[in-house]
Amino acid sequence: MGTVVLSGLVVALALILPSVALENGLALTPLMGWLAWERFRCNVDCQKDPRNCISETLFYEMADRLAEDGWRDLGYKYVNIDDCWSAKQRDAAGRLVPDPERFPRGIKALADYVHARGLKLGIYGDLGTLTCGGYPGTTLDRVEQDAQTFAEWGVDMLKLDGCYSSREEQAEGYPAMARALNATGRPIVYSCSWPAYQGGLPPKVNYTILAEVCNLWRNYDDIQDSWDSVLSILDWFSANQDVLQPVAGPGHWNDPDMLIIGNFGLSYEQSRSQMALWTVMAAPLLMSTDLRTISTSAKEILQNRLMIQINQDPLGIQGRRIVKEKFHIEVFLRPLSQAASALVFFSRRTDMPFVYTTSLAKLHFPEDTVYEVQDVYSGKIISGLKTEDSFSVVINPSGVVMWYLYPTAPLVQPWHVVRQQAPGEGFPPIL
């Protein structure tokens, strides 16, 4: 597991908490997969709605889609069960058991099926008396037992929520589950909701400890199927980026919650924006949509190869908002390996497409450098862009333009751009 480099504090914590660190070598890039919650919630009425209820059928079918429709090969490998999967009572030995009517073959059979498809299975628990949906929780005396149960079933990821638990129970229980998962000997990615229940910020949240305990964590509110929800999450992450950005990295990620692309609340432009903004924030890409009926346009956004390459960059540096204009244009930058970068030009405007003019120099790129630029969505290439060259991008309302930039040469070649039509004399090129 990586650590947040705070020198003496890390050393002190290592002495105090020698057995807390997860040390599982997992999630070295942001997790990618599918998660049931936002789209399917706690729908357990399989008589009235068998196609969309939380049942083994849903997860078998989503595994098929991930394996057969190109998702798995792009990195979307986790099929994640969320709340409301279990029976309302533990068994006679105190073990968690799946609902016998909705999961008649059991979780082990589902895990075996998922693994046979080249995928991984995630499951949900809650560090409390009950889950958020009212199913049996994992109290402190059940942590080791539940970790062992998940390992025996072949689970590859645990999302541990925090409903119906106190601050003190969370402070003890989240590290205890990390130790218990380690002790099973099975590699299980560990997703915590711990900081979200403590307001997400210091001093209540100690991100140094968190990065030693969890692979990823929910910091803020649950996402809903709306653009307002996406913006509220983005605003919180941007406002607190000085705290959040340094603590993300290989093995430990901030999680702004699921991708809702392909559902009902986002327009085409807004869907492109969520994908680009989550990618520049080095967020886990956990889709929550119906992969059986997803539209072609939503699928193209989620399966953009260059976007995924940027999200999965091995350096694992979370991006930051670097410009916030009065006229509602924002610019985000993410440093990438091999001196490359990702830029997102984002419009909060609601009137019409906006022509935004700037230069790499104004965005604090190094002087005397020449860049090759690829538009992540259109694929268009700009060659020979110098740091001081002025350029313009046209950004649609609530939309983005996203660039992948990499240095190509010292400042020797003339500036030119591959485009469909040359701009007028004296004007910067427009993508």
Protein backbone atom coordinates (compact mmCIF):
# COMPACT_ATOMS: atom_id res chain seq x y z
CA MET A 1 0.00 0.00 0.00
CA GLY A 2 1.23 3.48 -0.71
CA THR A 3 1.26 6.07 2.03
CA VAL A 4 0.63 9.76 2.26
CA VAL A 5 4.09 11.21 2.70
CA LEU A 6 3.89 13.22 5.89
CA SER A 7 7.29 12.03 7.13
CA GLY A 8 7.27 11.95 10.91
CA LEU A 9 3.52 11.40 11.21
CA VAL A 10 3.69 8.34 8.99
CA VAL A 11 6.60 6.94 10.99
CA ALA A 12 4.70 7.55 14.22
CA LEU A 13 1.60 5.84 12.86
CA ALA A 14 3.68 2.91 11.69
CA LEU A 15 4.89 2.45 15.24
CA ILE A 16 1.45 2.88 16.77
CA LEU A 17 -0.55 0.89 14.23
CA PRO A 18 1.78 -1.80 12.86
CA SER A 19 -1.02 -4.17 11.87
CA VAL A 20 -3.51 -1.67 10.45
CA ALA A 21 -2.00 -1.19 7.00
CA LEU A 22 -3.92 -3.04 4.32
CA GLU A 23 -0.78 -4.02 2.38
CA ASN A 24 -2.76 -5.94 -0.21
CA GLY A 25 -1.11 -4.54 -3.35
CA LEU A 26 -4.53 -3.99 -4.93
CA ALA A 27 -6.20 -1.09 -6.76
CA LEU A 28 -2.91 0.32 -8.03
CA THR A 29 -5.02 2.16 -10.59
CA PRO A 30 -8.59 3.37 -10.01
CA LEU A 31 -11.08 0.53 -9.85
CA MET A 32 -13.28 -0.08 -12.92
CA GLY A 33 -16.51 -2.03 -13.07
CA TRP A 34 -20.22 -1.98 -12.41
CA LEU A 35 -22.16 -1.33 -9.21
CA ALA A 36 -25.86 -1.98 -8.67
CA TRP A 37 -26.91 0.78 -6.31
CA GLU A 38 -27.68 4.01 -8.18
CA ARG A 39 -29.67 2.34 -10.94
CA PHE A 40 -31.33 -0.55 -9.07
CA ARG A 41 -31.29 0.59 -5.42
CA CYS A 42 -33.03 -1.73 -2.95
CA ASN A 43 -35.63 -3.16 -5.32
CA VAL A 44 -36.36 -6.57 -3.81
CA ASP A 45 -39.79 -7.17 -5.36
CA CYS A 46 -38.86 -9.95 -7.74
CA GLN A 47 -42.46 -10.99 -8.26
CA LYS A 48 -43.54 -7.66 -9.72
CA ASP A 49 -40.23 -6.65 -11.25
CA PRO A 50 -38.09 -9.75 -11.83
CA ARG A 51 -35.85 -8.07 -14.40
CA ASN A 52 -34.75 -5.19 -12.17
CA CYS A 53 -34.83 -6.56 -8.64
CA ILE A 54 -31.72 -7.28 -6.58
CA SER A 55 -31.29 -10.96 -7.39
CA GLU A 56 -28.68 -13.32 -8.72
CA THR A 57 -30.27 -13.00 -12.18
CA LEU A 58 -29.36 -9.32 -12.35
CA PHE A 59 -25.73 -10.01 -11.52
CA TYR A 60 -25.38 -13.00 -13.81
CA GLU A 61 -26.77 -10.92 -16.66
CA MET A 62 -24.52 -7.94 -15.91
CA ALA A 63 -21.52 -10.27 -15.80
CA ASP A 64 -22.50 -11.53 -19.25
CA ARG A 65 -22.71 -7.99 -20.58
CA LEU A 66 -19.35 -6.99 -19.12
CA ALA A 67 -17.72 -10.07 -20.63
CA GLU A 68 -19.41 -10.02 -24.03
CA ASP A 69 -19.89 -6.34 -24.89
CA GLY A 70 -16.30 -5.17 -24.68
CA TRP A 71 -16.33 -3.80 -21.13
CA ARG A 72 -14.06 -6.38 -19.51
CA ASP A 73 -11.36 -6.00 -22.14
CA LEU A 74 -11.25 -2.25 -21.47
CA GLY A 75 -10.76 -2.81 -17.73
CA TYR A 76 -14.32 -2.86 -16.36
CA LYS A 77 -13.86 -6.05 -14.36
CA TYR A 78 -15.74 -5.70 -11.07
CA VAL A 79 -19.38 -6.81 -10.76
CA ASN A 80 -20.44 -5.28 -7.46
CA ILE A 81 -23.45 -6.23 -5.36
CA ASP A 82 -24.68 -3.40 -3.15
CA ASP A 83 -27.17 -3.36 -0.25
CA CYS A 84 -30.23 -5.61 0.18
CA TRP A 85 -28.68 -8.88 -1.00
CA SER A 86 -28.82 -10.79 2.26
CA ALA A 87 -31.50 -12.57 4.22
CA LYS A 88 -33.02 -10.55 7.05
CA GLN A 89 -31.42 -12.84 9.63
CA ARG A 90 -28.05 -14.52 10.01
CA ASP A 91 -27.97 -18.32 10.06
CA ALA A 92 -27.75 -20.50 13.17
CA ALA A 93 -23.97 -20.12 13.26
CA GLY A 94 -24.25 -16.35 13.03
CA ARG A 95 -23.08 -16.15 9.43
CA LEU A 96 -24.43 -13.77 6.81
CA VAL A 97 -26.46 -15.59 4.18
CA PRO A 98 -27.94 -14.38 0.90
CA ASP A 99 -31.70 -14.13 0.53
CA PRO A 100 -32.66 -17.73 -0.40
CA GLU A 101 -35.38 -16.71 -2.85
CA ARG A 102 -33.44 -14.04 -4.69
CA PHE A 103 -30.03 -15.79 -4.58
CA PRO A 104 -31.00 -19.50 -4.55
CA ARG A 105 -27.58 -20.66 -5.83
CA GLY A 106 -25.69 -18.58 -3.27
CA ILE A 107 -22.86 -16.08 -3.54
CA LYS A 108 -20.14 -18.72 -4.04
CA ALA A 109 -21.81 -19.94 -7.24
CA LEU A 110 -22.18 -16.36 -8.46
CA ALA A 111 -18.50 -15.67 -7.72
CA ASP A 112 -17.48 -18.81 -9.60
CA TYR A 113 -19.53 -17.72 -12.61
CA VAL A 114 -18.09 -14.21 -12.52
CA HIS A 115 -14.53 -15.55 -12.25
CA ALA A 116 -15.10 -17.91 -15.17
CA ARG A 117 -15.97 -14.83 -17.25
CA GLY A 118 -12.65 -13.19 -16.39
CA LEU A 119 -14.32 -10.82 -13.94
CA LYS A 120 -14.30 -10.12 -10.19
CA LEU A 121 -17.13 -10.00 -7.67
CA GLY A 122 -17.73 -7.26 -5.14
CA ILE A 123 -20.13 -7.36 -2.19
CA TYR A 124 -21.59 -4.89 0.30
CA GLY A 125 -21.51 -4.80 4.07
CA ASP A 126 -22.18 -2.23 6.77
CA LEU A 127 -20.19 -1.54 9.91
CA GLY A 128 -23.19 -1.25 12.19
CA THR A 129 -26.17 -3.05 13.62
CA LEU A 130 -28.00 -2.80 10.29
CA THR A 131 -27.15 -1.92 6.71
CA CYS A 132 -28.59 1.31 5.36
CA GLY A 133 -31.39 -0.76 3.80
CA GLY A 134 -32.21 -2.53 7.08
CA TYR A 135 -30.38 -5.84 6.55
CA PRO A 136 -27.96 -7.45 9.04
CA GLY A 137 -24.90 -5.29 9.66
CA THR A 138 -21.40 -6.20 10.74
CA THR A 139 -21.02 -5.29 14.40
CA LEU A 140 -17.53 -5.23 15.88
CA ASP A 141 -17.83 -8.79 17.19
CA ARG A 142 -18.71 -10.03 13.67
CA VAL A 143 -15.88 -8.39 11.70
CA GLU A 144 -13.58 -11.41 11.52
CA GLN A 145 -16.42 -13.84 10.86
CA ASP A 146 -17.82 -11.77 8.00
CA ALA A 147 -14.40 -11.24 6.43
CA GLN A 148 -13.86 -14.99 6.47
CA THR A 149 -17.30 -15.62 4.99
CA PHE A 150 -16.63 -13.23 2.11
CA ALA A 151 -13.25 -14.84 1.45
CA GLU A 152 -14.75 -18.34 1.44
CA TRP A 153 -17.34 -17.22 -1.09
CA GLY A 154 -14.59 -15.94 -3.41
CA VAL A 155 -15.41 -12.26 -3.09
CA ASP A 156 -12.83 -9.86 -4.59
CA MET A 157 -14.02 -6.54 -3.15
CA LEU A 158 -15.87 -5.34 -0.07
CA LYS A 159 -17.71 -2.03 0.15
CA LEU A 160 -18.24 -1.37 3.86
CA ASP A 161 -20.87 1.26 4.63
CA GLY A 162 -21.38 3.02 7.95
CA CYS A 163 -25.09 3.26 8.75
CA TYR A 164 -26.18 2.56 12.35
CA SER A 165 -22.71 2.89 13.86
CA SER A 166 -21.04 5.48 16.07
CA ARG A 167 -17.89 7.47 15.41
CA GLU A 168 -16.06 5.33 17.96
CA GLU A 169 -17.27 2.08 16.40
CA GLN A 170 -16.14 3.28 12.98
CA ALA A 171 -12.70 4.27 14.29
CA GLU A 172 -12.27 0.76 15.66
CA GLY A 173 -14.17 -1.23 13.06
CA TYR A 174 -12.80 0.05 9.74
CA PRO A 175 -9.15 -0.74 10.61
CA ALA A 176 -10.29 -4.02 12.18
CA MET A 177 -11.89 -5.07 8.90
CA ALA A 178 -8.67 -4.24 7.04
CA ARG A 179 -6.78 -6.59 9.37
CA ALA A 180 -9.48 -9.25 9.06
CA LEU A 181 -9.43 -9.13 5.26
CA ASN A 182 -5.63 -9.41 5.31
CA ALA A 183 -5.87 -12.39 7.63
CA THR A 184 -8.08 -14.36 5.22
CA GLY A 185 -5.20 -14.60 2.76
CA ARG A 186 -7.53 -13.68 -0.11
CA PRO A 187 -6.85 -10.44 -2.01
CA ILE A 188 -9.98 -8.34 -1.40
CA VAL A 189 -10.17 -4.69 -2.42
CA TYR A 190 -11.48 -2.67 0.51
CA SER A 191 -13.82 0.27 -0.10
CA CYS A 192 -14.69 2.33 2.98
CA SER A 193 -17.46 4.82 3.55
CA TRP A 194 -15.71 5.94 6.74
CA PRO A 195 -14.89 9.58 5.80
CA ALA A 196 -18.35 10.22 4.34
CA TYR A 197 -19.87 9.65 7.80
CA GLN A 198 -17.40 12.10 9.39
CA GLY A 199 -17.90 15.02 7.01
CA GLY A 200 -15.05 14.07 4.71
CA LEU A 201 -12.51 16.57 6.06
CA PRO A 202 -9.87 16.95 8.75
CA PRO A 203 -9.67 17.07 11.69
CA LYS A 204 -12.49 14.53 11.93
CA VAL A 205 -11.00 12.53 9.04
CA ASN A 206 -7.35 11.49 9.22
CA TYR A 207 -6.43 10.76 5.62
CA THR A 208 -2.99 9.48 6.60
CA ILE A 209 -4.59 6.65 8.54
CA LEU A 210 -7.29 6.18 5.91
CA ALA A 211 -4.76 5.64 3.13
CA GLU A 212 -3.18 2.92 5.26
CA VAL A 213 -6.50 1.18 5.93
CA CYS A 214 -8.58 1.35 2.73
CA ASN A 215 -8.07 1.04 -1.04
CA LEU A 216 -10.78 3.58 -1.83
CA TRP A 217 -13.25 5.56 0.19
CA ARG A 218 -16.42 7.56 -0.18
CA ASN A 219 -15.83 11.13 1.01
CA TYR A 220 -19.14 12.82 0.29
CA ASP A 221 -22.84 12.40 -0.45
CA ASP A 222 -24.36 9.61 -2.53
CA ILE A 223 -24.75 10.49 -6.19
CA GLN A 224 -28.30 10.78 -7.51
CA ASP A 225 -29.50 10.58 -11.11
CA SER A 226 -29.26 14.32 -11.79
CA TRP A 227 -26.88 16.95 -13.09
CA ASP A 228 -27.33 18.93 -9.87
CA SER A 229 -25.96 15.94 -7.96
CA VAL A 230 -22.93 15.66 -10.24
CA LEU A 231 -22.23 19.38 -9.82
CA SER A 232 -22.59 19.24 -6.03
CA ILE A 233 -19.99 16.46 -5.86
CA LEU A 234 -17.66 18.28 -8.25
CA ASP A 235 -18.02 21.50 -6.24
CA TRP A 236 -17.18 19.77 -2.97
CA PHE A 237 -14.15 18.00 -4.42
CA SER A 238 -12.89 21.21 -6.06
CA ALA A 239 -13.44 23.34 -2.95
CA ASN A 240 -11.47 20.82 -0.86
CA GLN A 241 -8.90 19.72 -3.43
CA ASP A 242 -5.95 20.96 -1.36
CA VAL A 243 -6.87 18.33 1.25
CA LEU A 244 -8.10 15.58 -1.07
CA GLN A 245 -5.74 15.69 -4.02
CA PRO A 246 -2.49 14.81 -2.18
CA VAL A 247 -3.93 11.73 -0.46
CA ALA A 248 -4.94 9.87 -3.62
CA GLY A 249 -2.54 7.52 -5.33
CA PRO A 250 -1.86 3.89 -6.27
CA GLY A 251 -3.72 1.68 -3.81
CA HIS A 252 -5.77 4.45 -2.15
CA TRP A 253 -8.31 6.62 -3.99
CA ASN A 254 -10.91 9.26 -3.30
CA ASP A 255 -14.26 8.00 -4.61
CA PRO A 256 -16.75 10.65 -5.77
CA ASP A 257 -19.27 7.83 -6.35
CA MET A 258 -20.74 6.08 -9.37
CA LEU A 259 -20.98 7.01 -13.03
CA ILE A 260 -24.65 7.62 -13.87
CA ILE A 261 -24.05 7.81 -17.62
CA GLY A 262 -26.71 5.82 -19.48
CA ASN A 263 -29.52 6.47 -17.00
CA PHE A 264 -32.16 9.20 -17.08
CA GLY A 265 -30.80 12.35 -15.46
CA LEU A 266 -27.94 13.50 -17.71
CA SER A 267 -27.96 14.93 -21.20
CA TYR A 268 -25.42 13.80 -23.77
CA GLU A 269 -23.13 16.76 -22.99
CA GLN A 270 -23.48 16.23 -19.24
CA SER A 271 -22.64 12.54 -19.65
CA ARG A 272 -19.45 13.44 -21.49
CA SER A 273 -18.67 15.91 -18.73
CA GLN A 274 -19.07 13.43 -15.89
CA MET A 275 -16.79 10.93 -17.62
CA ALA A 276 -14.09 13.53 -18.28
CA LEU A 277 -14.26 15.10 -14.82
CA TRP A 278 -14.21 11.74 -12.99
CA THR A 279 -11.25 10.69 -15.15
CA VAL A 280 -9.26 13.84 -14.42
CA MET A 281 -10.00 13.34 -10.69
CA ALA A 282 -8.51 9.83 -10.87
CA ALA A 283 -11.85 8.49 -9.67
CA PRO A 284 -12.90 4.84 -9.73
CA LEU A 285 -15.02 4.21 -12.82
CA LEU A 286 -17.92 2.24 -11.39
CA MET A 287 -20.88 2.36 -13.74
CA SER A 288 -24.39 2.09 -12.35
CA THR A 289 -26.65 1.67 -15.34
CA ASP A 290 -28.47 -1.12 -17.16
CA LEU A 291 -25.86 -2.61 -19.46
CA ARG A 292 -28.57 -4.72 -21.12
CA THR A 293 -30.29 -1.65 -22.58
CA ILE A 294 -27.58 1.05 -22.60
CA SER A 295 -27.65 3.43 -25.57
CA THR A 296 -24.93 3.48 -28.19
CA SER A 297 -23.97 7.04 -27.32
CA ALA A 298 -23.61 6.29 -23.59
CA LYS A 299 -21.60 3.17 -24.38
CA GLU A 300 -19.23 5.15 -26.61
CA ILE A 301 -18.57 7.63 -23.80
CA LEU A 302 -17.89 4.90 -21.24
CA GLN A 303 -15.76 2.86 -23.65
CA ASN A 304 -13.53 5.70 -24.86
CA ARG A 305 -10.10 4.06 -24.92
CA LEU A 306 -8.02 7.19 -24.52
CA MET A 307 -10.22 8.32 -21.62
CA ILE A 308 -9.68 4.98 -19.87
CA GLN A 309 -5.93 5.15 -20.54
CA ILE A 310 -5.83 8.55 -18.82
CA ASN A 311 -7.94 7.35 -15.90
CA GLN A 312 -5.69 4.33 -15.44
CA ASP A 313 -2.41 6.26 -15.67
CA PRO A 314 0.12 4.43 -13.48
CA LEU A 315 1.35 7.57 -11.69
CA GLY A 316 -2.07 7.81 -10.06
CA ILE A 317 -2.00 11.58 -9.52
CA GLN A 318 -5.42 13.11 -8.91
CA GLY A 319 -6.14 16.19 -11.03
CA ARG A 320 -7.04 19.67 -9.80
CA ARG A 321 -9.12 22.61 -10.91
CA ILE A 322 -6.58 25.23 -11.96
CA VAL A 323 -8.84 27.93 -13.46
CA LYS A 324 -12.26 29.21 -12.43
CA GLU A 325 -13.42 32.05 -14.71
CA LYS A 326 -16.11 34.57 -13.79
CA PHE A 327 -17.92 33.64 -17.00
CA HIS A 328 -18.45 30.04 -15.78
CA ILE A 329 -15.62 28.24 -17.56
CA GLU A 330 -13.33 26.01 -15.50
CA VAL A 331 -10.12 24.21 -16.38
CA PHE A 332 -8.88 21.01 -14.74
CA LEU A 333 -5.40 19.54 -15.09
CA ARG A 334 -4.12 16.06 -14.33
CA PRO A 335 -0.39 15.25 -14.61
CA LEU A 336 0.29 11.90 -16.27
CA SER A 337 3.26 9.61 -16.73
CA GLN A 338 5.96 10.34 -19.33
CA ALA A 339 5.44 14.12 -18.91
CA ALA A 340 1.97 13.93 -20.46
CA SER A 341 -1.08 15.79 -19.14
CA ALA A 342 -4.85 15.78 -19.38
CA LEU A 343 -6.76 19.06 -19.59
CA VAL A 344 -10.52 19.41 -19.21
CA PHE A 345 -12.18 22.65 -20.29
CA PHE A 346 -15.59 22.62 -18.62
CA SER A 347 -18.54 24.96 -19.18
CA ARG A 348 -21.17 25.59 -16.52
CA ARG A 349 -22.95 27.93 -18.90
CA THR A 350 -26.52 27.24 -19.97
CA ASP A 351 -26.86 29.63 -22.92
CA MET A 352 -24.83 28.61 -25.97
CA PRO A 353 -21.45 27.19 -27.00
CA PHE A 354 -18.63 29.32 -25.65
CA VAL A 355 -15.33 30.08 -27.38
CA TYR A 356 -12.65 29.95 -24.71
CA THR A 357 -9.23 31.34 -25.60
CA THR A 358 -6.10 30.75 -23.57
CA SER A 359 -2.57 29.35 -23.89
CA LEU A 360 -0.57 26.65 -22.19
CA ALA A 361 1.62 29.39 -20.74
CA LYS A 362 -1.42 30.85 -18.97
CA LEU A 363 -2.10 27.36 -17.63
CA HIS A 364 1.46 27.24 -16.23
CA PHE A 365 2.89 24.66 -18.60
CA PRO A 366 6.70 24.72 -18.88
CA GLU A 367 8.27 27.26 -21.22
CA ASP A 368 9.89 26.43 -24.55
CA THR A 369 8.07 23.15 -24.99
CA VAL A 370 6.19 21.79 -27.98
CA TYR A 371 3.18 19.52 -27.51
CA GLU A 372 1.17 17.07 -29.51
CA VAL A 373 -2.47 17.31 -28.48
CA GLN A 374 -5.28 14.83 -29.01
CA ASP A 375 -8.90 15.71 -28.39
CA VAL A 376 -10.08 12.79 -26.26
CA TYR A 377 -13.62 12.72 -27.65
CA SER A 378 -13.18 13.78 -31.30
CA GLY A 379 -9.77 12.21 -31.83
CA LYS A 380 -8.50 15.28 -33.67
CA ILE A 381 -4.79 15.99 -33.41
CA ILE A 382 -3.00 19.29 -32.92
CA SER A 383 0.70 18.99 -33.68
CA GLY A 384 3.44 21.38 -32.65
CA LEU A 385 1.53 23.44 -30.09
CA LYS A 386 4.00 25.74 -28.33
CA THR A 387 3.52 26.74 -24.74
CA GLU A 388 3.04 30.43 -25.64
CA ASP A 389 0.66 29.83 -28.58
CA SER A 390 -2.85 31.11 -28.13
CA PHE A 391 -5.62 28.63 -28.92
CA SER A 392 -9.39 28.44 -28.58
CA VAL A 393 -11.80 25.65 -27.77
CA VAL A 394 -15.56 25.68 -28.28
CA ILE A 395 -17.29 24.26 -25.21
CA ASN A 396 -20.99 23.38 -25.30
CA PRO A 397 -23.28 24.32 -22.38
CA SER A 398 -22.67 21.92 -19.45
CA GLY A 399 -20.11 20.23 -21.70
CA VAL A 400 -16.39 19.67 -21.91
CA VAL A 401 -13.48 19.66 -24.27
CA MET A 402 -10.81 17.25 -23.06
CA TRP A 403 -7.23 17.18 -24.28
CA TYR A 404 -4.43 14.66 -23.92
CA LEU A 405 -1.09 16.46 -24.27
CA TYR A 406 2.45 15.14 -24.47
CA PRO A 407 5.71 16.95 -25.23
CA THR A 408 7.24 16.05 -28.57
CA ALA A 409 10.28 18.25 -29.21
CA PRO A 410 12.22 21.34 -28.25
CA LEU A 411 10.99 24.57 -29.77
CA VAL A 412 12.13 24.07 -33.36
CA GLN A 413 9.17 23.16 -35.55
CA PRO A 414 6.47 25.51 -36.83
CA TRP A 415 3.03 25.46 -35.20
CA HIS A 416 0.42 23.68 -37.23
CA VAL A 417 -2.83 21.94 -36.54
CA VAL A 418 -4.69 19.06 -38.14
CA ARG A 419 -8.22 20.32 -38.66
CA GLN A 420 -11.05 20.17 -41.12
CA GLN A 421 -10.82 23.83 -42.06
CA ALA A 422 -8.06 26.40 -41.55
CA PRO A 423 -8.95 29.35 -39.34
CA GLY A 424 -9.02 32.86 -40.65
CA GLU A 425 -5.79 34.82 -40.77
CA GLY A 426 -4.74 36.14 -37.38
CA PHE A 427 -7.13 33.99 -35.31
CA PRO A 428 -6.16 31.02 -33.14
CA PRO A 429 -7.33 27.63 -34.39
CA ILE A 430 -10.67 26.43 -33.08
CA LEU A 431 -11.44 22.81 -32.28
